[in-house]
N, C-alpha and C. Protein backbone atom coordinates (compact mmCIF):
# COMPACT_ATOMS: atom_id res chain seq x y z
N MET A 1 -44.64 -46.64 -41.46
CA MET A 1 -45.00 -45.53 -42.33
C MET A 1 -43.81 -44.57 -42.50
N LEU A 2 -43.18 -44.20 -41.38
CA LEU A 2 -42.02 -43.33 -41.42
C LEU A 2 -40.91 -43.97 -42.26
N TYR A 3 -40.70 -45.26 -42.07
CA TYR A 3 -39.67 -45.99 -42.81
C TYR A 3 -39.89 -45.86 -44.32
N THR A 4 -41.11 -46.02 -44.76
CA THR A 4 -41.43 -45.95 -46.19
C THR A 4 -41.11 -44.58 -46.77
N TYR A 5 -41.48 -43.52 -46.04
CA TYR A 5 -41.20 -42.16 -46.50
C TYR A 5 -39.71 -41.86 -46.50
N LEU A 6 -39.02 -42.27 -45.46
CA LEU A 6 -37.58 -42.05 -45.40
C LEU A 6 -36.85 -42.80 -46.51
N LEU A 7 -37.27 -44.01 -46.76
CA LEU A 7 -36.65 -44.81 -47.81
C LEU A 7 -36.83 -44.14 -49.18
N ALA A 8 -38.02 -43.64 -49.44
CA ALA A 8 -38.28 -42.95 -50.71
C ALA A 8 -37.47 -41.67 -50.81
N LEU A 9 -37.40 -40.91 -49.72
CA LEU A 9 -36.64 -39.67 -49.72
C LEU A 9 -35.14 -39.94 -49.88
N HIS A 10 -34.64 -40.94 -49.18
CA HIS A 10 -33.24 -41.32 -49.28
C HIS A 10 -32.91 -41.77 -50.71
N SER A 11 -33.81 -42.48 -51.34
CA SER A 11 -33.63 -42.93 -52.71
C SER A 11 -33.60 -41.74 -53.68
N LEU A 12 -34.45 -40.76 -53.44
CA LEU A 12 -34.50 -39.57 -54.29
C LEU A 12 -33.27 -38.69 -54.11
N VAL A 13 -32.88 -38.45 -52.88
CA VAL A 13 -31.76 -37.55 -52.60
C VAL A 13 -30.44 -38.10 -53.13
N ARG A 14 -30.34 -39.42 -53.28
CA ARG A 14 -29.09 -39.98 -53.83
C ARG A 14 -28.80 -39.40 -55.20
N TRP A 15 -29.86 -39.13 -55.99
CA TRP A 15 -29.67 -38.56 -57.32
C TRP A 15 -29.13 -37.15 -57.24
N PHE A 16 -29.57 -36.38 -56.23
CA PHE A 16 -29.05 -35.03 -56.04
C PHE A 16 -27.57 -35.09 -55.65
N VAL A 17 -27.23 -36.05 -54.79
CA VAL A 17 -25.84 -36.22 -54.39
C VAL A 17 -24.99 -36.57 -55.60
N LEU A 18 -25.42 -37.54 -56.37
CA LEU A 18 -24.65 -37.97 -57.55
C LEU A 18 -24.53 -36.85 -58.57
N LEU A 19 -25.61 -36.14 -58.84
CA LEU A 19 -25.59 -35.03 -59.79
C LEU A 19 -24.65 -33.93 -59.31
N ALA A 20 -24.76 -33.56 -58.04
CA ALA A 20 -23.90 -32.52 -57.49
C ALA A 20 -22.44 -32.94 -57.56
N LEU A 21 -22.17 -34.17 -57.20
CA LEU A 21 -20.79 -34.68 -57.18
C LEU A 21 -20.20 -34.71 -58.59
N VAL A 22 -20.94 -35.20 -59.55
CA VAL A 22 -20.45 -35.23 -60.93
C VAL A 22 -20.21 -33.81 -61.44
N THR A 23 -21.13 -32.91 -61.13
CA THR A 23 -20.96 -31.51 -61.52
C THR A 23 -19.70 -30.92 -60.89
N GLY A 24 -19.48 -31.22 -59.62
CA GLY A 24 -18.30 -30.72 -58.93
C GLY A 24 -17.01 -31.31 -59.49
N ILE A 25 -17.05 -32.57 -59.86
CA ILE A 25 -15.87 -33.21 -60.45
C ILE A 25 -15.54 -32.58 -61.79
N ILE A 26 -16.54 -32.38 -62.61
CA ILE A 26 -16.32 -31.75 -63.92
C ILE A 26 -15.76 -30.34 -63.72
N ALA A 27 -16.37 -29.58 -62.82
CA ALA A 27 -15.88 -28.23 -62.54
C ALA A 27 -14.45 -28.26 -62.01
N GLY A 28 -14.17 -29.24 -61.16
CA GLY A 28 -12.83 -29.37 -60.59
C GLY A 28 -11.77 -29.63 -61.65
N TYR A 29 -12.04 -30.59 -62.52
CA TYR A 29 -11.06 -30.90 -63.57
C TYR A 29 -10.94 -29.76 -64.59
N ARG A 30 -12.07 -29.14 -64.93
CA ARG A 30 -12.02 -28.00 -65.87
C ARG A 30 -11.22 -26.84 -65.28
N GLY A 31 -11.49 -26.55 -64.02
CA GLY A 31 -10.78 -25.45 -63.37
C GLY A 31 -9.30 -25.74 -63.20
N TRP A 32 -9.00 -26.96 -62.79
CA TRP A 32 -7.61 -27.37 -62.55
C TRP A 32 -6.82 -27.41 -63.86
N LEU A 33 -7.32 -28.16 -64.84
CA LEU A 33 -6.58 -28.32 -66.09
C LEU A 33 -6.70 -27.12 -67.01
N GLY A 34 -7.80 -26.37 -66.88
CA GLY A 34 -8.00 -25.19 -67.72
C GLY A 34 -7.52 -23.90 -67.07
N LYS A 35 -6.94 -24.02 -65.88
CA LYS A 35 -6.40 -22.86 -65.15
C LYS A 35 -7.43 -21.73 -65.03
N LYS A 36 -8.64 -22.12 -64.61
CA LYS A 36 -9.73 -21.16 -64.45
C LYS A 36 -9.68 -20.53 -63.06
N PRO A 37 -10.31 -19.38 -62.90
CA PRO A 37 -10.37 -18.76 -61.57
C PRO A 37 -11.42 -19.46 -60.69
N PHE A 38 -11.11 -19.60 -59.43
CA PHE A 38 -12.03 -20.18 -58.46
C PHE A 38 -12.95 -19.06 -57.98
N THR A 39 -14.12 -18.98 -58.55
CA THR A 39 -15.04 -17.88 -58.29
C THR A 39 -15.96 -18.18 -57.11
N SER A 40 -16.80 -17.24 -56.78
CA SER A 40 -17.79 -17.47 -55.72
C SER A 40 -18.76 -18.57 -56.15
N ARG A 41 -18.99 -18.70 -57.43
CA ARG A 41 -19.85 -19.78 -57.94
C ARG A 41 -19.18 -21.15 -57.71
N SER A 42 -17.89 -21.21 -57.93
CA SER A 42 -17.14 -22.45 -57.67
C SER A 42 -17.21 -22.81 -56.19
N ASN A 43 -17.07 -21.80 -55.36
CA ASN A 43 -17.12 -22.02 -53.92
C ASN A 43 -18.52 -22.46 -53.49
N PHE A 44 -19.54 -21.87 -54.09
CA PHE A 44 -20.91 -22.26 -53.79
C PHE A 44 -21.14 -23.72 -54.19
N LEU A 45 -20.62 -24.13 -55.32
CA LEU A 45 -20.74 -25.52 -55.77
C LEU A 45 -20.06 -26.45 -54.78
N ARG A 46 -18.84 -26.12 -54.39
CA ARG A 46 -18.10 -26.92 -53.42
C ARG A 46 -18.89 -27.10 -52.13
N HIS A 47 -19.41 -26.00 -51.64
CA HIS A 47 -20.18 -26.02 -50.39
C HIS A 47 -21.50 -26.79 -50.56
N SER A 48 -22.16 -26.63 -51.69
CA SER A 48 -23.44 -27.30 -51.96
C SER A 48 -23.28 -28.81 -52.01
N ILE A 49 -22.18 -29.26 -52.59
CA ILE A 49 -21.92 -30.70 -52.66
C ILE A 49 -21.81 -31.28 -51.26
N ALA A 50 -21.04 -30.62 -50.42
CA ALA A 50 -20.88 -31.10 -49.04
C ALA A 50 -22.22 -31.05 -48.30
N THR A 51 -23.00 -30.02 -48.53
CA THR A 51 -24.28 -29.87 -47.85
C THR A 51 -25.27 -30.96 -48.25
N VAL A 52 -25.42 -31.21 -49.54
CA VAL A 52 -26.37 -32.24 -49.98
C VAL A 52 -25.89 -33.63 -49.53
N ALA A 53 -24.59 -33.84 -49.49
CA ALA A 53 -24.06 -35.11 -48.99
C ALA A 53 -24.37 -35.29 -47.51
N HIS A 54 -24.28 -34.21 -46.75
CA HIS A 54 -24.58 -34.30 -45.32
C HIS A 54 -26.08 -34.49 -45.06
N ILE A 55 -26.90 -33.90 -45.90
CA ILE A 55 -28.35 -34.13 -45.79
C ILE A 55 -28.64 -35.61 -46.03
N GLN A 56 -28.00 -36.18 -47.05
CA GLN A 56 -28.19 -37.60 -47.34
C GLN A 56 -27.67 -38.46 -46.18
N LEU A 57 -26.59 -38.04 -45.56
CA LEU A 57 -26.06 -38.77 -44.40
C LEU A 57 -27.07 -38.77 -43.26
N VAL A 58 -27.65 -37.63 -42.98
CA VAL A 58 -28.66 -37.55 -41.90
C VAL A 58 -29.84 -38.45 -42.22
N LEU A 59 -30.31 -38.41 -43.46
CA LEU A 59 -31.42 -39.29 -43.86
C LEU A 59 -31.02 -40.76 -43.72
N GLY A 60 -29.80 -41.09 -44.13
CA GLY A 60 -29.33 -42.46 -44.04
C GLY A 60 -29.21 -42.95 -42.61
N VAL A 61 -28.70 -42.11 -41.72
CA VAL A 61 -28.59 -42.50 -40.31
C VAL A 61 -29.97 -42.68 -39.70
N TRP A 62 -30.86 -41.77 -40.00
CA TRP A 62 -32.24 -41.87 -39.51
C TRP A 62 -32.88 -43.16 -40.02
N LEU A 63 -32.70 -43.42 -41.30
CA LEU A 63 -33.23 -44.63 -41.91
C LEU A 63 -32.63 -45.88 -41.26
N TYR A 64 -31.37 -45.82 -40.93
CA TYR A 64 -30.68 -46.95 -40.29
C TYR A 64 -31.38 -47.34 -38.99
N PHE A 65 -31.82 -46.35 -38.25
CA PHE A 65 -32.41 -46.63 -36.94
C PHE A 65 -33.90 -46.99 -36.98
N VAL A 66 -34.55 -46.80 -38.12
CA VAL A 66 -35.97 -47.20 -38.21
C VAL A 66 -36.20 -48.36 -39.17
N SER A 67 -35.14 -48.82 -39.82
CA SER A 67 -35.27 -49.88 -40.81
C SER A 67 -35.48 -51.25 -40.17
N PRO A 68 -36.48 -51.99 -40.64
CA PRO A 68 -36.66 -53.36 -40.15
C PRO A 68 -35.52 -54.28 -40.58
N VAL A 69 -34.90 -54.00 -41.69
CA VAL A 69 -33.76 -54.80 -42.15
C VAL A 69 -32.60 -54.64 -41.17
N ILE A 70 -32.34 -53.42 -40.76
CA ILE A 70 -31.25 -53.15 -39.82
C ILE A 70 -31.59 -53.71 -38.44
N ALA A 71 -32.84 -53.60 -38.05
CA ALA A 71 -33.26 -54.17 -36.76
C ALA A 71 -33.00 -55.67 -36.75
N TYR A 72 -33.34 -56.33 -37.84
CA TYR A 72 -33.07 -57.76 -37.94
C TYR A 72 -31.56 -58.02 -37.88
N PHE A 73 -30.81 -57.24 -38.63
CA PHE A 73 -29.35 -57.38 -38.66
C PHE A 73 -28.74 -57.25 -37.26
N LEU A 74 -29.16 -56.25 -36.53
CA LEU A 74 -28.59 -55.99 -35.20
C LEU A 74 -29.01 -57.03 -34.17
N HIS A 75 -30.24 -57.52 -34.28
CA HIS A 75 -30.74 -58.48 -33.29
C HIS A 75 -30.40 -59.94 -33.62
N ASN A 76 -30.01 -60.19 -34.86
CA ASN A 76 -29.68 -61.55 -35.29
C ASN A 76 -28.34 -61.56 -36.03
N PHE A 77 -27.37 -60.91 -35.44
CA PHE A 77 -26.11 -60.67 -36.11
C PHE A 77 -25.45 -61.94 -36.63
N LYS A 78 -25.41 -62.98 -35.81
CA LYS A 78 -24.72 -64.22 -36.21
C LYS A 78 -25.29 -64.81 -37.50
N ASP A 79 -26.59 -64.78 -37.64
CA ASP A 79 -27.22 -65.30 -38.86
C ASP A 79 -27.24 -64.25 -39.97
N ALA A 80 -27.52 -63.01 -39.59
CA ALA A 80 -27.68 -61.94 -40.58
C ALA A 80 -26.39 -61.65 -41.34
N VAL A 81 -25.26 -61.79 -40.69
CA VAL A 81 -23.99 -61.49 -41.33
C VAL A 81 -23.70 -62.46 -42.48
N HIS A 82 -24.36 -63.59 -42.50
CA HIS A 82 -24.18 -64.57 -43.57
C HIS A 82 -25.19 -64.39 -44.72
N ASN A 83 -26.12 -63.46 -44.55
CA ASN A 83 -27.10 -63.15 -45.58
C ASN A 83 -26.61 -61.91 -46.33
N ARG A 84 -26.26 -62.07 -47.60
CA ARG A 84 -25.63 -60.99 -48.39
C ARG A 84 -26.43 -59.69 -48.37
N GLN A 85 -27.73 -59.77 -48.60
CA GLN A 85 -28.53 -58.55 -48.68
C GLN A 85 -28.61 -57.83 -47.33
N ILE A 86 -28.80 -58.59 -46.29
CA ILE A 86 -28.92 -57.97 -44.97
C ILE A 86 -27.57 -57.42 -44.52
N ARG A 87 -26.50 -58.17 -44.78
CA ARG A 87 -25.16 -57.69 -44.43
C ARG A 87 -24.81 -56.44 -45.23
N PHE A 88 -25.22 -56.41 -46.49
CA PHE A 88 -24.94 -55.25 -47.33
C PHE A 88 -25.49 -53.98 -46.69
N PHE A 89 -26.76 -54.01 -46.29
CA PHE A 89 -27.35 -52.80 -45.71
C PHE A 89 -26.93 -52.58 -44.26
N GLY A 90 -26.71 -53.65 -43.53
CA GLY A 90 -26.33 -53.51 -42.13
C GLY A 90 -24.90 -53.05 -41.92
N MET A 91 -24.01 -53.42 -42.86
CA MET A 91 -22.60 -53.09 -42.69
C MET A 91 -21.99 -52.38 -43.91
N GLU A 92 -22.02 -53.04 -45.03
CA GLU A 92 -21.25 -52.58 -46.18
C GLU A 92 -21.72 -51.23 -46.72
N HIS A 93 -22.98 -51.13 -47.05
CA HIS A 93 -23.53 -49.89 -47.59
C HIS A 93 -23.32 -48.74 -46.59
N SER A 94 -23.66 -48.99 -45.35
CA SER A 94 -23.57 -47.96 -44.33
C SER A 94 -22.13 -47.47 -44.15
N LEU A 95 -21.20 -48.39 -44.05
CA LEU A 95 -19.81 -48.03 -43.83
C LEU A 95 -19.22 -47.31 -45.05
N MET A 96 -19.46 -47.84 -46.23
CA MET A 96 -18.88 -47.22 -47.43
C MET A 96 -19.48 -45.84 -47.71
N MET A 97 -20.76 -45.67 -47.43
CA MET A 97 -21.36 -44.36 -47.62
C MET A 97 -20.80 -43.35 -46.61
N LEU A 98 -20.57 -43.80 -45.41
CA LEU A 98 -19.94 -42.93 -44.41
C LEU A 98 -18.53 -42.53 -44.87
N VAL A 99 -17.80 -43.48 -45.40
CA VAL A 99 -16.46 -43.19 -45.93
C VAL A 99 -16.56 -42.16 -47.06
N ALA A 100 -17.51 -42.33 -47.96
CA ALA A 100 -17.69 -41.38 -49.07
C ALA A 100 -18.01 -39.98 -48.57
N ILE A 101 -18.86 -39.88 -47.56
CA ILE A 101 -19.22 -38.56 -47.01
C ILE A 101 -18.00 -37.93 -46.34
N VAL A 102 -17.21 -38.73 -45.66
CA VAL A 102 -15.98 -38.21 -45.04
C VAL A 102 -15.03 -37.70 -46.13
N LEU A 103 -14.90 -38.44 -47.22
CA LEU A 103 -14.04 -38.00 -48.32
C LEU A 103 -14.54 -36.69 -48.93
N ILE A 104 -15.83 -36.56 -49.10
CA ILE A 104 -16.42 -35.31 -49.63
C ILE A 104 -16.14 -34.17 -48.66
N THR A 105 -16.33 -34.42 -47.38
CA THR A 105 -16.11 -33.38 -46.37
C THR A 105 -14.65 -32.94 -46.34
N ILE A 106 -13.75 -33.90 -46.34
CA ILE A 106 -12.32 -33.57 -46.34
C ILE A 106 -11.95 -32.80 -47.61
N GLY A 107 -12.43 -33.27 -48.75
CA GLY A 107 -12.14 -32.60 -50.01
C GLY A 107 -12.67 -31.18 -50.05
N SER A 108 -13.88 -30.99 -49.55
CA SER A 108 -14.46 -29.66 -49.52
C SER A 108 -13.69 -28.72 -48.59
N ALA A 109 -13.39 -29.22 -47.40
CA ALA A 109 -12.66 -28.39 -46.42
C ALA A 109 -11.24 -28.09 -46.90
N ALA A 110 -10.59 -29.08 -47.47
CA ALA A 110 -9.22 -28.88 -47.95
C ALA A 110 -9.20 -27.90 -49.12
N ALA A 111 -10.15 -28.02 -50.04
CA ALA A 111 -10.21 -27.11 -51.19
C ALA A 111 -10.43 -25.68 -50.72
N LYS A 112 -11.26 -25.51 -49.73
CA LYS A 112 -11.55 -24.18 -49.20
C LYS A 112 -10.29 -23.49 -48.68
N ARG A 113 -9.37 -24.28 -48.12
CA ARG A 113 -8.18 -23.73 -47.48
C ARG A 113 -6.95 -23.61 -48.39
N LYS A 114 -7.05 -24.12 -49.59
CA LYS A 114 -5.90 -24.06 -50.51
C LYS A 114 -5.64 -22.62 -50.93
N PRO A 115 -4.37 -22.26 -51.10
CA PRO A 115 -4.04 -20.86 -51.38
C PRO A 115 -4.26 -20.42 -52.83
N THR A 116 -4.23 -21.35 -53.77
CA THR A 116 -4.37 -20.97 -55.18
C THR A 116 -5.64 -21.58 -55.79
N ASP A 117 -6.10 -20.95 -56.83
CA ASP A 117 -7.29 -21.45 -57.53
C ASP A 117 -7.04 -22.84 -58.10
N LYS A 118 -5.86 -23.02 -58.70
CA LYS A 118 -5.52 -24.33 -59.28
C LYS A 118 -5.54 -25.41 -58.21
N ALA A 119 -5.00 -25.12 -57.04
CA ALA A 119 -4.96 -26.10 -55.95
C ALA A 119 -6.36 -26.39 -55.43
N LYS A 120 -7.21 -25.39 -55.40
CA LYS A 120 -8.60 -25.60 -54.94
C LYS A 120 -9.32 -26.55 -55.88
N PHE A 121 -9.21 -26.29 -57.17
CA PHE A 121 -9.87 -27.15 -58.16
C PHE A 121 -9.27 -28.56 -58.16
N LYS A 122 -7.96 -28.66 -58.06
CA LYS A 122 -7.29 -29.96 -58.05
C LYS A 122 -7.76 -30.78 -56.85
N THR A 123 -7.84 -30.15 -55.71
CA THR A 123 -8.29 -30.83 -54.50
C THR A 123 -9.73 -31.32 -54.65
N MET A 124 -10.59 -30.46 -55.15
CA MET A 124 -11.98 -30.87 -55.40
C MET A 124 -12.03 -32.05 -56.36
N ALA A 125 -11.31 -31.95 -57.46
CA ALA A 125 -11.35 -32.98 -58.49
C ALA A 125 -10.91 -34.34 -57.94
N ILE A 126 -9.82 -34.37 -57.22
CA ILE A 126 -9.28 -35.63 -56.73
C ILE A 126 -10.14 -36.23 -55.62
N TRP A 127 -10.45 -35.46 -54.59
CA TRP A 127 -11.22 -35.99 -53.46
C TRP A 127 -12.63 -36.39 -53.87
N PHE A 128 -13.26 -35.55 -54.70
CA PHE A 128 -14.63 -35.86 -55.12
C PHE A 128 -14.67 -37.06 -56.06
N THR A 129 -13.64 -37.25 -56.87
CA THR A 129 -13.59 -38.42 -57.74
C THR A 129 -13.48 -39.70 -56.91
N ILE A 130 -12.63 -39.69 -55.93
CA ILE A 130 -12.49 -40.86 -55.06
C ILE A 130 -13.81 -41.14 -54.34
N ALA A 131 -14.45 -40.08 -53.83
CA ALA A 131 -15.73 -40.24 -53.14
C ALA A 131 -16.78 -40.81 -54.09
N LEU A 132 -16.81 -40.35 -55.32
CA LEU A 132 -17.78 -40.86 -56.28
C LEU A 132 -17.57 -42.35 -56.54
N LEU A 133 -16.32 -42.77 -56.67
CA LEU A 133 -16.04 -44.19 -56.89
C LEU A 133 -16.52 -45.03 -55.70
N VAL A 134 -16.32 -44.54 -54.50
CA VAL A 134 -16.80 -45.26 -53.31
C VAL A 134 -18.33 -45.32 -53.33
N LEU A 135 -18.97 -44.18 -53.63
CA LEU A 135 -20.44 -44.15 -53.70
C LEU A 135 -20.97 -45.13 -54.74
N LEU A 136 -20.42 -45.08 -55.93
CA LEU A 136 -20.91 -45.93 -57.01
C LEU A 136 -20.75 -47.41 -56.69
N SER A 137 -19.72 -47.74 -55.94
CA SER A 137 -19.49 -49.14 -55.61
C SER A 137 -20.45 -49.66 -54.54
N SER A 138 -21.11 -48.76 -53.84
CA SER A 138 -21.94 -49.19 -52.70
C SER A 138 -23.40 -48.82 -52.81
N ILE A 139 -23.82 -48.36 -53.95
CA ILE A 139 -25.24 -48.10 -54.19
C ILE A 139 -25.89 -49.39 -54.66
N PRO A 140 -27.04 -49.75 -54.11
CA PRO A 140 -27.71 -50.99 -54.57
C PRO A 140 -28.42 -50.75 -55.90
N TRP A 141 -27.67 -50.82 -56.98
CA TRP A 141 -28.20 -50.55 -58.31
C TRP A 141 -29.18 -51.63 -58.76
N PRO A 142 -30.13 -51.28 -59.62
CA PRO A 142 -31.08 -52.28 -60.13
C PRO A 142 -30.40 -53.42 -60.90
N PHE A 143 -29.26 -53.16 -61.49
CA PHE A 143 -28.55 -54.17 -62.27
C PHE A 143 -27.57 -54.99 -61.45
N SER A 144 -27.47 -54.71 -60.16
CA SER A 144 -26.56 -55.46 -59.31
C SER A 144 -27.06 -56.89 -59.13
N PRO A 145 -26.22 -57.88 -59.37
CA PRO A 145 -26.68 -59.26 -59.28
C PRO A 145 -26.92 -59.73 -57.84
N LEU A 146 -26.27 -59.09 -56.87
CA LEU A 146 -26.39 -59.56 -55.49
C LEU A 146 -27.39 -58.77 -54.66
N VAL A 147 -27.34 -57.46 -54.77
CA VAL A 147 -28.23 -56.60 -53.97
C VAL A 147 -28.79 -55.54 -54.89
N SER A 148 -29.94 -55.77 -55.44
CA SER A 148 -30.51 -54.78 -56.37
C SER A 148 -31.74 -54.13 -55.76
N ARG A 149 -31.88 -52.86 -56.08
CA ARG A 149 -33.03 -52.08 -55.68
C ARG A 149 -33.45 -51.22 -56.88
N PRO A 150 -34.68 -50.73 -56.91
CA PRO A 150 -35.13 -49.93 -58.07
C PRO A 150 -34.39 -48.58 -58.15
N TRP A 151 -34.47 -47.97 -59.33
CA TRP A 151 -33.84 -46.67 -59.53
C TRP A 151 -34.39 -45.64 -58.56
N LEU A 152 -35.69 -45.70 -58.31
CA LEU A 152 -36.36 -44.79 -57.37
C LEU A 152 -37.38 -45.57 -56.58
N ARG A 153 -37.52 -45.23 -55.32
CA ARG A 153 -38.53 -45.86 -54.47
C ARG A 153 -39.70 -44.90 -54.33
N PHE A 154 -40.91 -45.43 -54.34
CA PHE A 154 -42.09 -44.59 -54.16
C PHE A 154 -42.91 -45.08 -52.99
């Protein structure tokens, strides 16, 4: 029962992460290339992106430890590693999402410490863009031929 609720929540929160990240990337490039001031609103956006990403990380880690797919993967590693779907969730998705969260965290922290507004926006734009590419490559999209999942879980 817990697994079902966590899976649905994790599926829903991914959209908040993606929306926040895209918004931050757009703000980053606009601020950087448009030489805009880094306001308290910009800082709030930067911080919010990192926060929602960390919430998703906590949900993902919790889900990892209650998932029957992961339990199978961990207890039957020799066989499971040869099954694309199980390996995807047991290793690939988990590792790449962790990498994306680390990139978001580094980008947020680095932007916060930059001395100029242009540098803050540039840092956000670059780090968050790289993180988004990692995220997009490791989400089990419905159109993925190997590991597909619905747009939203209920």
